Amino acid sequence: NLNFEIKTKMNVCGICKSHQSLQACSGCRGVFYCGRDHQKQGWKAHKEECKLLSQAAKEGMVLVSREAGNGTHPEQGKSVTMSYSGRLPNGTVFDSGDNFTFTLGVQEVIKGWDEGVAKLTYGEKATFYISSDWAYGPQGAPGAIPPNMPLIFDVQLKN
């Protein structure tokens, strides 16, 4: 069963890395713990990201700007170039790239990217917190992203 293989490979306790008896964080559903003691232990480090992922679950995505750009937004239908690193809420990096180019607003990328990049200005660095609905949804991306997984991207819109 492919879903079982992905779940056991990708979902591990945020503290001890066990695959046994996992329960998802009740806030973001993206970090897993094998028991209440480990959930309490991990909460301090996880709570800010959990709040942002919970907000993204309601709104589709949340953008947190880390460094201002030049003030000019990209145009829909035009090519944009990005640097990025994508990770699961448990910290597992599943993809990264420099000089990734796509056409904005024509669904060449996940909805969270089309929406988020449109809000950036050239040169801006930001973090996208994207709901699973605006990412890969119930199908996930086999071998990389489990089903129904919210995603986090650190991005920069290149000039």
Protein backbone atom coordinates (compact mmCIF):
# COMPACT_ATOMS: atom_id res chain seq x y z
CA ASN A 1 0.00 0.00 0.00
CA LEU A 2 1.66 3.20 -1.22
CA ASN A 3 -0.01 5.48 1.36
CA PHE A 4 1.23 3.28 4.19
CA GLU A 5 4.78 3.35 2.79
CA ILE A 6 4.76 7.14 2.49
CA LYS A 7 3.27 7.59 5.93
CA THR A 8 5.82 5.34 7.61
CA LYS A 9 8.75 6.91 5.72
CA MET A 10 7.73 10.55 6.17
CA ASN A 11 5.78 10.74 9.42
CA VAL A 12 7.90 10.28 12.49
CA CYS A 13 7.67 11.50 16.05
CA GLY A 14 9.02 15.05 16.26
CA ILE A 15 11.03 14.09 19.35
CA CYS A 16 12.24 10.47 19.16
CA LYS A 17 11.78 9.84 15.38
CA SER A 18 9.69 6.72 16.09
CA HIS A 19 7.14 5.54 13.50
CA GLN A 20 4.97 3.86 16.16
CA SER A 21 1.49 5.02 17.28
CA LEU A 22 1.72 8.48 15.79
CA GLN A 23 -0.81 11.21 16.37
CA ALA A 24 -0.84 14.43 14.35
CA CYS A 25 -0.55 17.79 16.09
CA SER A 26 -4.12 18.87 16.79
CA GLY A 27 -3.40 22.37 15.49
CA CYS A 28 -1.64 22.04 12.15
CA ARG A 29 -1.96 18.29 11.49
CA GLY A 30 1.55 18.38 10.01
CA VAL A 31 3.80 17.36 12.90
CA PHE A 32 3.49 13.98 14.59
CA TYR A 33 4.17 12.69 18.08
CA CYS A 34 4.12 9.20 19.54
CA GLY A 35 2.52 10.35 22.81
CA ARG A 36 1.41 13.29 24.92
CA ASP A 37 4.75 13.62 26.70
CA HIS A 38 6.54 14.08 23.39
CA GLN A 39 3.86 16.48 22.14
CA LYS A 40 4.30 18.66 25.25
CA GLN A 41 8.06 18.49 24.84
CA GLY A 42 7.89 19.54 21.18
CA TRP A 43 5.25 22.23 21.57
CA LYS A 44 7.59 25.04 22.65
CA ALA A 45 9.62 24.82 19.44
CA HIS A 46 6.58 24.14 17.23
CA LYS A 47 3.90 26.54 18.49
CA GLU A 48 4.63 29.60 16.29
CA GLU A 49 4.78 27.53 13.12
CA CYS A 50 1.67 25.63 14.24
CA LYS A 51 -0.28 28.89 14.57
CA LEU A 52 0.73 29.94 11.05
CA LEU A 53 -0.13 26.51 9.59
CA SER A 54 -3.50 26.57 11.39
CA GLN A 55 -4.18 30.02 9.91
CA ALA A 56 -3.17 28.72 6.46
CA ALA A 57 -5.63 25.83 6.86
CA LYS A 58 -8.41 28.44 7.13
CA GLU A 59 -7.13 30.94 4.55
CA GLY A 60 -5.26 28.74 2.03
CA MET A 61 -1.87 30.31 2.64
CA VAL A 62 -0.08 32.76 4.88
CA LEU A 63 2.85 34.87 3.73
CA VAL A 64 5.43 36.09 6.26
CA SER A 65 7.85 38.60 4.75
CA ARG A 66 11.45 38.18 5.94
CA GLU A 67 13.18 40.87 3.85
CA ALA A 68 11.58 43.67 1.83
CA GLY A 69 11.82 43.79 -1.94
CA ASN A 70 11.90 46.75 -4.33
CA GLY A 71 8.16 47.50 -4.13
CA THR A 72 7.24 46.25 -7.63
CA HIS A 73 4.89 43.24 -7.84
CA PRO A 74 5.12 40.68 -10.66
CA GLU A 75 2.41 40.68 -13.33
CA GLN A 76 0.01 37.77 -13.89
CA GLY A 77 0.88 35.85 -17.07
CA LYS A 78 4.55 36.86 -16.95
CA SER A 79 7.56 34.67 -16.14
CA VAL A 80 9.00 34.92 -12.64
CA THR A 81 12.17 33.39 -11.24
CA MET A 82 12.42 32.07 -7.69
CA SER A 83 14.87 30.61 -5.23
CA TYR A 84 13.15 28.30 -2.76
CA SER A 85 13.37 25.55 -0.20
CA GLY A 86 10.28 23.46 0.54
CA ARG A 87 9.82 21.52 3.76
CA LEU A 88 7.26 19.55 5.65
CA PRO A 89 6.14 20.86 9.06
CA ASN A 90 8.43 18.27 10.70
CA GLY A 91 11.43 19.99 9.07
CA THR A 92 12.05 17.46 6.29
CA VAL A 93 13.22 19.33 3.18
CA PHE A 94 11.58 17.75 0.12
CA ASP A 95 12.76 20.14 -2.60
CA SER A 96 14.85 23.24 -3.22
CA GLY A 97 16.06 25.22 -6.17
CA ASP A 98 17.64 28.38 -7.45
CA ASN A 99 16.50 30.15 -10.60
CA PHE A 100 13.23 28.18 -10.89
CA THR A 101 11.15 29.95 -13.55
CA PHE A 102 7.40 29.65 -14.18
CA THR A 103 4.53 31.74 -15.55
CA LEU A 104 2.58 33.41 -12.75
CA GLY A 105 -1.16 32.84 -12.53
CA VAL A 106 -1.58 30.05 -15.11
CA GLN A 107 -1.52 27.06 -12.72
CA GLU A 108 1.97 25.84 -13.60
CA VAL A 109 2.63 25.57 -9.85
CA ILE A 110 0.50 24.81 -6.80
CA LYS A 111 -2.17 27.38 -5.93
CA GLY A 112 -0.29 28.46 -2.79
CA TRP A 113 2.63 29.54 -4.97
CA ASP A 114 0.51 31.37 -7.58
CA GLU A 115 -1.26 33.28 -4.79
CA GLY A 116 1.84 33.89 -2.67
CA VAL A 117 4.23 34.97 -5.42
CA ALA A 118 1.66 37.50 -6.69
CA LYS A 119 1.87 39.23 -3.27
CA LEU A 120 5.68 39.44 -3.28
CA THR A 121 7.77 42.27 -4.67
CA TYR A 122 10.96 41.66 -6.66
CA GLY A 123 13.87 40.82 -4.37
CA GLU A 124 11.60 40.02 -1.40
CA LYS A 125 12.35 37.05 0.83
CA ALA A 126 9.42 35.38 2.56
CA THR A 127 8.03 32.20 4.02
CA PHE A 128 4.82 30.67 2.64
CA TYR A 129 2.70 28.52 4.95
CA ILE A 130 0.40 26.63 2.58
CA SER A 131 -2.63 24.49 3.41
CA SER A 132 -2.79 21.01 1.93
CA ASP A 133 -5.78 22.17 -0.16
CA TRP A 134 -3.60 24.80 -1.84
CA ALA A 135 -0.67 22.35 -2.16
CA TYR A 136 -1.00 18.67 -3.18
CA GLY A 137 -4.22 17.78 -1.32
CA PRO A 138 -5.36 14.23 -0.59
CA GLN A 139 -3.15 12.68 -3.29
CA GLY A 140 0.11 14.19 -1.97
CA ALA A 141 3.19 13.73 -4.12
CA PRO A 142 4.19 10.05 -3.85
CA GLY A 143 7.62 9.58 -2.36
CA ALA A 144 7.97 13.21 -1.30
CA ILE A 145 4.82 14.68 0.27
CA PRO A 146 2.27 12.67 2.27
CA PRO A 147 -1.46 13.12 1.57
CA ASN A 148 -3.16 16.13 3.18
CA MET A 149 0.15 17.67 4.25
CA PRO A 150 0.53 21.45 4.70
CA LEU A 151 3.80 22.80 3.33
CA ILE A 152 6.31 25.52 4.20
CA PHE A 153 8.44 27.29 1.60
CA ASP A 154 11.23 29.79 2.17
CA VAL A 155 11.28 31.80 -1.04
CA GLN A 156 12.84 34.77 -2.79
CA LEU A 157 11.42 36.43 -5.89
CA LYS A 158 14.46 37.23 -8.02
CA ASN A 159 14.85 40.61 -9.75
